[in-house]
Amino acid sequence: MRETKKLKRIIAVILISLVIIYIIYAVVLLLLNPNNVYILTKGELYAEDETVGYIIRNEQVIEDEENVNGIYKIASEGQKVAKDEYVFRYYKDSENELTNKINELDYKIQELLESENILPSADIKVIENQIEEKISKINLLSSFQEIKEYKSNIEELITKKINYISQLTNNEEIKSIINERNQYENQLKDGASYKTATMSGVVSYKVDGLEDKLKPDNLSNITDTYLEELELKTGQIISSSNEHGKVIDNFKCYIAVVTDSELSKQAKVGDKVTLRISTTEEDEAQIVQINEGSGNRTIIFELKNMSQNLINYRKIAVDIIWWQESGYKVPNKAIITKNVNGHDLNYIIRNKNGVQTEILIKIEKQNDKFSIISSYETKELQELGFNEEDIKNYIKISNYDEIILNVENNEE
């Protein structure tokens, strides 16, 4: 029994030793002869440039230089309006006094409602949820302008809620206070300066003074020096104005980029690309203008749809995806170039069950490291001068083919 256990231990030690020796041998072999087999699968290839873009919009500022008391927003940020629709009104000189009286009445109404048993309607519940959401978010804000906007939105929601309550309550005291409140609101509106949309589009109060400098009818003047003189910071959010508003054409906008990359030097008007504006947002774009500046090209792209996110900025980080192609993807070092029938043709070496075969392939797209490849069609092979026998024996590439790497390009 002891001899059997001893024999088992010896066998186990021998097996473990053999495994260790094999692992060491495999590692040494791998270092001396790197893996030269690549499994062919489908993938994606693209060429892109990382740069910054200046946003150009068709936007019309609405203002009145004689009014300095601030504005009351009728249309909210991002709201779509038609031409001649009310956007905002300017506060009157007596605005603060009347607003304070309205706020005092709001507190009285709230106190009386606490003793009332009014079942809130669905509309009131929606407004209350919106108010609670705004209040919870306002505590997290640090920007004075954003806090001011949220406060204004909350006041608008409270007014809506009170109007709904006035239709539901039978309490004469509450009704009387609401009527008094409405009289103050009417006084605010009487004689106020209302401003309307000069065109249809999206309302914004983010006015930065560049609306007349970065506009579509000025594309030919936008060069690298022109943009540099604006001294804009990338990613800086445009502050909301309390004196002006504007309407933006939301159907399209433009992005100007300054670049001297090799890919940009090949670009021409009419080319279509993809612009990656954020990690999740990609838009198709077309080159509509190329201006030569002091050594760099300024390329202007047109986007058919302007997202709400772009309204907040004037200068952003942007990736230009010049082209992208899907298909069978191989490393360039797997491709051999040979002269056949007077043509420089490309081949890969397929390994199948130990048999290596040269396969003619077509390069669809290529960057510094990889290529997207495909097989030739019969008509294409005929045009390249191959005979019927060659075409009959032509092997097409397929998924999971083993391709030999580390081959040297040569020309015969």
Protein backbone atom coordinates (compact mmCIF):
# COMPACT_ATOMS: atom_id res chain seq x y z
CA MET A 1 0.00 0.00 0.00
CA ARG A 2 2.83 2.39 0.94
CA GLU A 3 4.66 1.50 -2.27
CA THR A 4 1.51 2.32 -4.30
CA LYS A 5 1.14 5.76 -2.67
CA LYS A 6 4.84 6.43 -3.19
CA LEU A 7 4.54 5.47 -6.87
CA LYS A 8 1.55 7.78 -7.30
CA ARG A 9 3.49 10.67 -5.77
CA ILE A 10 6.43 10.05 -8.11
CA ILE A 11 4.09 9.96 -11.15
CA ALA A 12 2.38 13.20 -10.03
CA VAL A 13 5.73 14.96 -9.58
CA ILE A 14 6.83 13.79 -13.03
CA LEU A 15 3.57 15.02 -14.63
CA ILE A 16 3.79 18.40 -12.94
CA SER A 17 7.40 18.74 -14.01
CA LEU A 18 6.48 17.92 -17.60
CA VAL A 19 3.70 20.53 -17.57
CA ILE A 20 6.08 23.18 -16.21
CA ILE A 21 8.71 22.29 -18.81
CA TYR A 22 6.08 22.49 -21.57
CA ILE A 23 4.87 25.91 -20.38
CA ILE A 24 8.44 27.23 -20.29
CA TYR A 25 9.07 25.79 -23.73
CA ALA A 26 5.86 27.36 -25.11
CA VAL A 27 6.73 30.77 -23.67
CA VAL A 28 10.27 30.64 -25.10
CA LEU A 29 8.90 29.50 -28.46
CA LEU A 30 6.35 32.32 -28.43
CA LEU A 31 9.08 34.88 -27.76
CA LEU A 32 11.32 33.51 -30.47
CA ASN A 33 8.49 32.97 -32.99
CA PRO A 34 5.58 35.35 -32.41
CA ASN A 35 2.12 34.11 -33.33
CA ASN A 36 1.77 34.60 -37.09
CA VAL A 37 -1.84 33.51 -37.51
CA TYR A 38 -4.76 35.93 -37.70
CA ILE A 39 -8.39 34.77 -37.67
CA LEU A 40 -10.36 36.63 -40.33
CA THR A 41 -13.56 38.20 -38.98
CA LYS A 42 -15.78 41.12 -39.85
CA GLY A 43 -14.99 44.47 -38.35
CA GLU A 44 -15.10 48.20 -38.90
CA LEU A 45 -12.48 50.64 -40.06
CA TYR A 46 -12.57 54.42 -39.98
CA ALA A 47 -10.38 57.47 -40.33
CA GLU A 48 -10.98 60.45 -38.07
CA ASP A 49 -9.53 63.73 -36.82
CA GLU A 50 -9.98 65.19 -33.33
CA THR A 51 -10.47 68.94 -33.41
CA VAL A 52 -12.74 71.78 -32.22
CA GLY A 53 -15.69 73.29 -34.02
CA TYR A 54 -17.36 76.71 -34.04
CA ILE A 55 -21.16 76.60 -34.24
CA ILE A 56 -22.77 78.82 -36.85
CA ARG A 57 -26.53 79.34 -36.73
CA ASN A 58 -29.27 81.27 -38.46
CA GLU A 59 -30.58 83.17 -35.44
CA GLN A 60 -32.32 86.48 -34.96
CA VAL A 61 -31.97 88.42 -31.71
CA ILE A 62 -35.08 90.04 -30.24
CA GLU A 63 -34.36 93.13 -28.16
CA ASP A 64 -35.41 96.62 -27.18
CA GLU A 65 -32.53 98.86 -26.09
CA GLU A 66 -34.86 101.27 -24.29
CA ASN A 67 -36.10 98.59 -21.85
CA VAL A 68 -33.67 97.84 -19.03
CA ASN A 69 -35.90 96.25 -16.39
CA GLY A 70 -35.37 92.66 -17.51
CA ILE A 71 -37.71 90.25 -19.25
CA TYR A 72 -40.55 87.91 -18.34
CA LYS A 73 -40.23 84.74 -20.41
CA ILE A 74 -43.46 83.71 -22.11
CA ALA A 75 -41.84 81.01 -24.26
CA SER A 76 -39.40 78.79 -22.39
CA GLU A 77 -35.86 77.89 -23.45
CA GLY A 78 -35.95 75.40 -26.34
CA GLN A 79 -39.64 75.94 -27.09
CA LYS A 80 -40.69 75.99 -30.75
CA VAL A 81 -42.61 79.07 -31.85
CA ALA A 82 -44.20 80.32 -35.06
CA LYS A 83 -43.50 83.70 -36.60
CA ASP A 84 -45.21 86.59 -34.73
CA GLU A 85 -45.85 84.39 -31.68
CA TYR A 86 -45.12 86.00 -28.27
CA VAL A 87 -41.66 85.16 -26.91
CA PHE A 88 -41.23 87.46 -23.88
CA ARG A 89 -42.21 90.82 -22.46
CA TYR A 90 -40.16 93.49 -20.69
CA TYR A 91 -40.82 94.17 -17.02
CA LYS A 92 -42.51 97.43 -16.11
CA ASP A 93 -41.08 99.93 -13.62
CA SER A 94 -43.70 98.84 -11.05
CA GLU A 95 -42.90 95.14 -11.64
CA ASN A 96 -41.15 94.49 -8.33
CA GLU A 97 -43.91 96.05 -6.24
CA LEU A 98 -46.65 94.13 -8.04
CA THR A 99 -44.64 90.88 -7.96
CA ASN A 100 -44.17 91.16 -4.20
CA LYS A 101 -47.93 91.63 -3.73
CA ILE A 102 -48.60 88.55 -5.88
CA ASN A 103 -46.13 86.50 -3.81
CA GLU A 104 -47.85 87.59 -0.57
CA LEU A 105 -51.22 86.49 -1.96
CA ASP A 106 -49.71 83.14 -3.00
CA TYR A 107 -48.72 82.48 0.62
CA LYS A 108 -52.24 83.36 1.81
CA ILE A 109 -53.79 81.04 -0.76
CA GLN A 110 -51.46 78.23 0.30
CA GLU A 111 -52.38 78.70 4.00
CA LEU A 112 -56.09 78.59 3.23
CA LEU A 113 -55.69 75.53 1.01
CA GLU A 114 -54.10 73.59 3.87
CA SER A 115 -57.41 73.79 5.73
CA GLU A 116 -59.43 72.97 2.63
CA ASN A 117 -60.20 69.45 1.46
CA ILE A 118 -59.76 69.93 -2.28
CA LEU A 119 -59.01 66.82 -4.25
CA PRO A 120 -56.29 67.81 -6.71
CA SER A 121 -56.96 67.14 -10.38
CA ALA A 122 -54.57 65.30 -12.67
CA ASP A 123 -53.39 68.65 -14.06
CA ILE A 124 -52.60 70.00 -10.59
CA LYS A 125 -50.68 66.82 -9.67
CA VAL A 126 -48.56 67.16 -12.81
CA ILE A 127 -47.76 70.80 -11.94
CA GLU A 128 -46.96 69.92 -8.31
CA ASN A 129 -44.56 67.20 -9.46
CA GLN A 130 -42.87 69.69 -11.77
CA ILE A 131 -42.53 72.22 -8.94
CA GLU A 132 -41.03 69.60 -6.61
CA GLU A 133 -38.59 68.52 -9.31
CA LYS A 134 -37.49 72.11 -9.92
CA ILE A 135 -37.05 72.79 -6.19
CA SER A 136 -34.96 69.63 -5.71
CA LYS A 137 -32.68 70.59 -8.60
CA ILE A 138 -32.30 74.25 -7.66
CA ASN A 139 -30.57 73.20 -4.42
CA LEU A 140 -27.83 71.54 -6.47
CA LEU A 141 -27.12 74.54 -8.71
CA SER A 142 -24.18 76.89 -8.24
CA SER A 143 -24.66 79.19 -11.23
CA PHE A 144 -26.58 82.36 -10.38
CA GLN A 145 -28.06 82.50 -13.88
CA GLU A 146 -29.33 78.91 -13.69
CA ILE A 147 -30.84 79.50 -10.24
CA LYS A 148 -32.59 82.59 -11.60
CA GLU A 149 -34.03 80.59 -14.50
CA TYR A 150 -35.29 77.82 -12.21
CA LYS A 151 -36.87 80.40 -9.86
CA SER A 152 -38.70 81.97 -12.81
CA ASN A 153 -39.94 78.55 -13.95
CA ILE A 154 -41.21 77.74 -10.46
CA GLU A 155 -43.14 81.03 -10.32
CA GLU A 156 -44.77 80.26 -13.68
CA LEU A 157 -45.81 76.79 -12.46
CA ILE A 158 -47.29 78.25 -9.24
CA THR A 159 -49.40 80.66 -11.32
CA LYS A 160 -50.72 77.76 -13.40
CA LYS A 161 -51.54 75.77 -10.27
CA ILE A 162 -53.48 78.68 -8.74
CA ASN A 163 -55.49 79.14 -11.92
CA TYR A 164 -56.53 75.47 -11.80
CA ILE A 165 -57.44 75.73 -8.10
CA SER A 166 -59.66 78.74 -8.74
CA GLN A 167 -61.80 76.51 -10.94
CA LEU A 168 -62.15 73.81 -8.28
CA THR A 169 -62.64 75.62 -4.95
CA ASN A 170 -65.95 76.82 -3.49
CA ASN A 171 -64.23 78.83 -0.75
CA GLU A 172 -65.26 82.47 -1.29
CA GLU A 173 -62.22 83.83 0.54
CA ILE A 174 -59.84 81.87 -1.68
CA LYS A 175 -61.74 82.98 -4.77
CA SER A 176 -61.57 86.59 -3.63
CA ILE A 177 -57.79 86.42 -3.11
CA ILE A 178 -57.30 84.72 -6.48
CA ASN A 179 -59.32 87.50 -8.14
CA GLU A 180 -57.16 90.09 -6.43
CA ARG A 181 -54.07 88.22 -7.61
CA ASN A 182 -55.38 88.18 -11.19
CA GLN A 183 -55.90 91.95 -11.03
CA TYR A 184 -52.25 92.44 -10.11
CA GLU A 185 -51.20 90.17 -12.95
CA ASN A 186 -53.34 92.17 -15.36
CA GLN A 187 -51.65 95.32 -14.16
CA LEU A 188 -48.31 93.73 -14.97
CA LYS A 189 -49.47 92.98 -18.50
CA ASP A 190 -51.21 96.30 -19.20
CA GLY A 191 -48.93 98.58 -21.16
CA ALA A 192 -46.08 96.05 -21.11
CA SER A 193 -43.74 95.77 -24.12
CA TYR A 194 -44.33 92.36 -25.71
CA LYS A 195 -41.84 90.89 -28.17
CA THR A 196 -42.73 88.39 -30.87
CA ALA A 197 -40.75 85.92 -32.95
CA THR A 198 -39.39 87.40 -36.16
CA MET A 199 -39.31 83.92 -37.74
CA SER A 200 -40.34 80.39 -36.83
CA GLY A 201 -37.85 78.30 -34.91
CA VAL A 202 -36.61 77.52 -31.41
CA VAL A 203 -36.54 80.13 -28.63
CA SER A 204 -33.33 80.68 -26.69
CA TYR A 205 -32.19 83.27 -24.18
CA LYS A 206 -28.53 82.28 -24.54
CA VAL A 207 -27.33 85.40 -26.33
CA ASP A 208 -23.55 85.82 -26.67
CA GLY A 209 -23.23 88.73 -29.11
CA LEU A 210 -21.85 86.53 -31.90
CA GLU A 211 -25.16 86.08 -33.68
CA ASP A 212 -24.12 88.56 -36.40
CA LYS A 213 -20.54 87.28 -36.67
CA LEU A 214 -21.11 83.53 -36.90
CA LYS A 215 -24.03 83.35 -39.30
CA PRO A 216 -24.70 81.39 -42.52
CA ASP A 217 -24.51 84.36 -44.90
CA ASN A 218 -20.98 85.09 -43.66
CA LEU A 219 -19.40 81.69 -44.42
CA SER A 220 -16.91 82.99 -46.99
CA ASN A 221 -15.30 85.31 -44.40
CA ILE A 222 -14.83 82.66 -41.72
CA THR A 223 -11.13 81.72 -41.67
CA ASP A 224 -8.67 80.49 -39.04
CA THR A 225 -7.61 84.07 -38.14
CA TYR A 226 -11.24 85.26 -38.02
CA LEU A 227 -12.16 82.50 -35.56
CA GLU A 228 -9.01 82.92 -33.48
CA GLU A 229 -9.77 86.60 -32.93
CA LEU A 230 -13.08 85.63 -31.24
CA GLU A 231 -11.05 84.21 -28.32
CA LEU A 232 -13.66 81.58 -27.40
CA LYS A 233 -13.15 78.80 -24.88
CA THR A 234 -13.97 75.23 -25.87
CA GLY A 235 -16.99 73.81 -24.06
CA GLN A 236 -17.98 77.07 -22.36
CA ILE A 237 -21.75 77.28 -21.87
CA ILE A 238 -23.39 80.45 -23.15
CA SER A 239 -24.96 82.39 -20.27
CA SER A 240 -28.67 83.21 -20.39
CA SER A 241 -29.57 86.85 -20.92
CA ASN A 242 -32.11 88.73 -18.86
CA GLU A 243 -32.42 91.47 -21.49
CA HIS A 244 -32.64 89.69 -24.84
CA GLY A 245 -34.01 86.61 -26.48
CA LYS A 246 -33.61 85.06 -29.89
CA VAL A 247 -35.17 82.61 -32.33
CA ILE A 248 -32.97 79.96 -33.96
CA ASP A 249 -33.57 78.05 -37.16
CA ASN A 250 -33.54 74.50 -35.80
CA PHE A 251 -33.67 72.75 -39.16
CA LYS A 252 -29.95 73.07 -39.81
CA CYS A 253 -26.77 74.61 -38.51
CA TYR A 254 -23.10 74.77 -39.47
CA ILE A 255 -19.86 73.80 -37.76
CA ALA A 256 -16.54 75.35 -38.82
CA VAL A 257 -13.28 73.54 -38.03
CA VAL A 258 -9.69 74.62 -38.56
CA THR A 259 -7.38 71.76 -39.51
CA ASP A 260 -4.18 70.95 -41.39
CA SER A 261 -4.41 67.13 -41.26
CA GLU A 262 -3.62 65.00 -44.30
CA LEU A 263 -7.23 63.83 -44.48
CA SER A 264 -8.51 67.41 -44.49
CA LYS A 265 -6.20 68.31 -47.38
CA GLN A 266 -8.04 65.78 -49.54
CA ALA A 267 -11.50 67.10 -48.59
CA LYS A 268 -13.65 68.97 -51.11
CA VAL A 269 -17.01 70.72 -51.14
CA GLY A 270 -19.84 68.20 -51.35
CA ASP A 271 -18.07 65.46 -49.37
CA LYS A 272 -20.20 63.79 -46.71
CA VAL A 273 -18.77 62.85 -43.33
CA THR A 274 -19.93 61.99 -39.82
CA LEU A 275 -19.38 64.43 -36.97
CA ARG A 276 -19.12 63.05 -33.44
CA ILE A 277 -20.17 65.91 -31.20
CA SER A 278 -20.22 63.93 -27.96
CA THR A 279 -19.58 60.34 -26.91
CA THR A 280 -23.15 59.44 -27.85
CA GLU A 281 -24.15 61.98 -30.50
CA GLU A 282 -23.17 61.47 -34.14
CA ASP A 283 -24.63 63.40 -37.09
CA GLU A 284 -24.24 63.17 -40.83
CA ALA A 285 -22.75 66.36 -42.28
CA GLN A 286 -21.75 67.76 -45.66
CA ILE A 287 -18.92 70.13 -46.57
CA VAL A 288 -20.42 73.34 -47.96
CA GLN A 289 -17.44 75.72 -47.77
CA ILE A 290 -13.64 75.51 -47.62
CA ASN A 291 -11.66 78.68 -46.87
CA GLU A 292 -7.87 78.84 -47.08
CA GLY A 293 -6.35 80.86 -44.27
CA SER A 294 -2.85 81.44 -42.93
CA GLY A 295 -1.61 77.90 -43.47
CA ASN A 296 -4.70 76.08 -42.23
CA ARG A 297 -7.93 75.20 -43.97
CA THR A 298 -11.26 76.19 -42.47
CA ILE A 299 -13.82 73.57 -43.43
CA ILE A 300 -17.49 74.34 -42.82
CA PHE A 301 -19.95 71.48 -42.45
CA GLU A 302 -23.73 71.67 -42.70
CA LEU A 303 -25.89 69.61 -40.35
CA LYS A 304 -29.50 69.04 -41.33
CA ASN A 305 -30.68 68.98 -37.75
CA MET A 306 -29.52 71.09 -34.84
CA SER A 307 -29.79 69.30 -31.51
CA GLN A 308 -30.88 71.11 -28.36
CA ASN A 309 -27.43 70.48 -26.90
CA LEU A 310 -25.74 72.64 -29.55
CA ILE A 311 -27.77 75.71 -28.55
CA ASN A 312 -25.81 75.87 -25.29
CA TYR A 313 -22.40 76.26 -26.93
CA ARG A 314 -20.48 78.26 -29.51
CA LYS A 315 -17.22 76.27 -29.52
CA ILE A 316 -17.08 72.52 -28.89
CA ALA A 317 -14.84 69.48 -29.22
CA VAL A 318 -15.70 67.53 -32.35
CA ASP A 319 -14.40 64.42 -34.13
CA ILE A 320 -14.54 64.32 -37.92
CA ILE A 321 -15.08 60.76 -39.15
CA TRP A 322 -13.95 61.13 -42.76
CA TRP A 323 -14.94 57.63 -43.76
CA GLN A 324 -15.93 54.32 -42.22
CA GLU A 325 -16.16 50.91 -43.80
CA SER A 326 -17.40 47.52 -42.58
CA GLY A 327 -16.29 44.09 -43.81
CA TYR A 328 -13.51 41.56 -43.42
CA LYS A 329 -10.71 43.24 -41.48
CA VAL A 330 -7.04 42.20 -41.67
CA PRO A 331 -3.72 43.73 -40.56
CA ASN A 332 -1.79 45.32 -43.43
CA LYS A 333 1.20 43.09 -42.70
CA ALA A 334 -0.87 40.11 -43.88
CA ILE A 335 -1.18 41.55 -47.39
CA ILE A 336 1.23 40.72 -50.23
CA THR A 337 1.40 42.89 -53.36
CA LYS A 338 2.24 41.17 -56.65
CA ASN A 339 2.23 42.26 -60.26
CA VAL A 340 -0.06 39.95 -62.23
CA ASN A 341 -1.26 40.52 -65.80
CA GLY A 342 0.19 44.02 -65.65
CA HIS A 343 -1.76 44.93 -62.50
CA ASP A 344 -0.53 45.42 -58.93
CA LEU A 345 -2.80 42.98 -57.08
CA ASN A 346 -3.12 42.13 -53.42
CA TYR A 347 -3.05 38.69 -51.85
CA ILE A 348 -3.33 37.07 -48.45
CA ILE A 349 -2.06 33.63 -47.46
CA ARG A 350 -4.72 31.34 -46.02
CA ASN A 351 -3.72 28.42 -43.83
CA LYS A 352 -6.21 25.53 -43.92
CA ASN A 353 -5.29 22.21 -42.31
CA GLY A 354 -1.62 23.04 -42.75
CA VAL A 355 -1.99 23.91 -46.43
CA GLN A 356 -1.09 27.50 -47.28
CA THR A 357 -2.81 29.11 -50.28
CA GLU A 358 -2.47 32.56 -51.81
CA ILE A 359 -5.87 34.19 -52.21
CA LEU A 360 -6.47 37.26 -54.36
CA ILE A 361 -8.31 39.98 -52.44
CA LYS A 362 -9.62 43.48 -53.08
CA ILE A 363 -8.83 46.31 -50.64
CA GLU A 364 -11.94 48.39 -49.99
CA LYS A 365 -10.47 50.79 -47.42
CA GLN A 366 -7.14 51.04 -45.66
CA ASN A 367 -5.50 53.00 -42.86
CA ASP A 368 -2.02 52.76 -41.35
CA LYS A 369 -2.59 49.39 -39.65
CA PHE A 370 -5.63 47.63 -41.07
CA SER A 371 -7.55 47.04 -44.28
CA ILE A 372 -11.12 46.11 -45.11
CA ILE A 373 -10.94 43.46 -47.82
CA SER A 374 -13.37 41.56 -50.05
CA SER A 375 -13.38 38.99 -52.86
CA TYR A 376 -13.53 39.84 -56.56
CA GLU A 377 -16.59 39.20 -58.68
CA THR A 378 -16.33 37.22 -61.93
CA LYS A 379 -16.65 40.31 -64.11
CA GLU A 380 -13.87 42.05 -62.21
CA LEU A 381 -11.55 39.05 -62.61
CA GLN A 382 -12.21 39.03 -66.35
CA GLU A 383 -11.32 42.74 -66.53
CA LEU A 384 -8.04 41.94 -64.76
CA GLY A 385 -7.12 39.45 -67.47
CA PHE A 386 -7.73 36.12 -65.70
CA ASN A 387 -8.74 33.16 -67.88
CA GLU A 388 -11.75 30.89 -67.34
CA GLU A 389 -9.71 28.24 -65.54
CA ASP A 390 -8.28 30.80 -63.10
CA ILE A 391 -11.77 32.22 -62.47
CA LYS A 392 -13.21 28.74 -61.96
CA ASN A 393 -10.56 27.92 -59.33
CA TYR A 394 -10.76 31.33 -57.65
CA ILE A 395 -11.14 31.00 -53.86
CA LYS A 396 -13.17 33.60 -51.99
CA ILE A 397 -12.39 34.61 -48.43
CA SER A 398 -14.78 33.55 -45.68
CA ASN A 399 -15.34 34.17 -42.01
CA TYR A 400 -12.84 32.58 -39.60
CA ASP A 401 -10.22 31.84 -42.27
CA GLU A 402 -6.72 31.55 -40.78
CA ILE A 403 -4.48 34.19 -42.33
CA ILE A 404 -0.70 34.16 -42.11
CA LEU A 405 0.89 37.31 -40.69
CA ASN A 406 4.41 38.70 -40.75
CA VAL A 407 4.76 38.14 -44.47
CA GLU A 408 6.93 40.59 -46.40
CA ASN A 409 5.40 42.52 -49.26
CA ASN A 410 7.07 41.62 -52.47
CA GLU A 411 6.54 42.31 -56.10
CA GLU A 412 7.08 39.82 -58.88
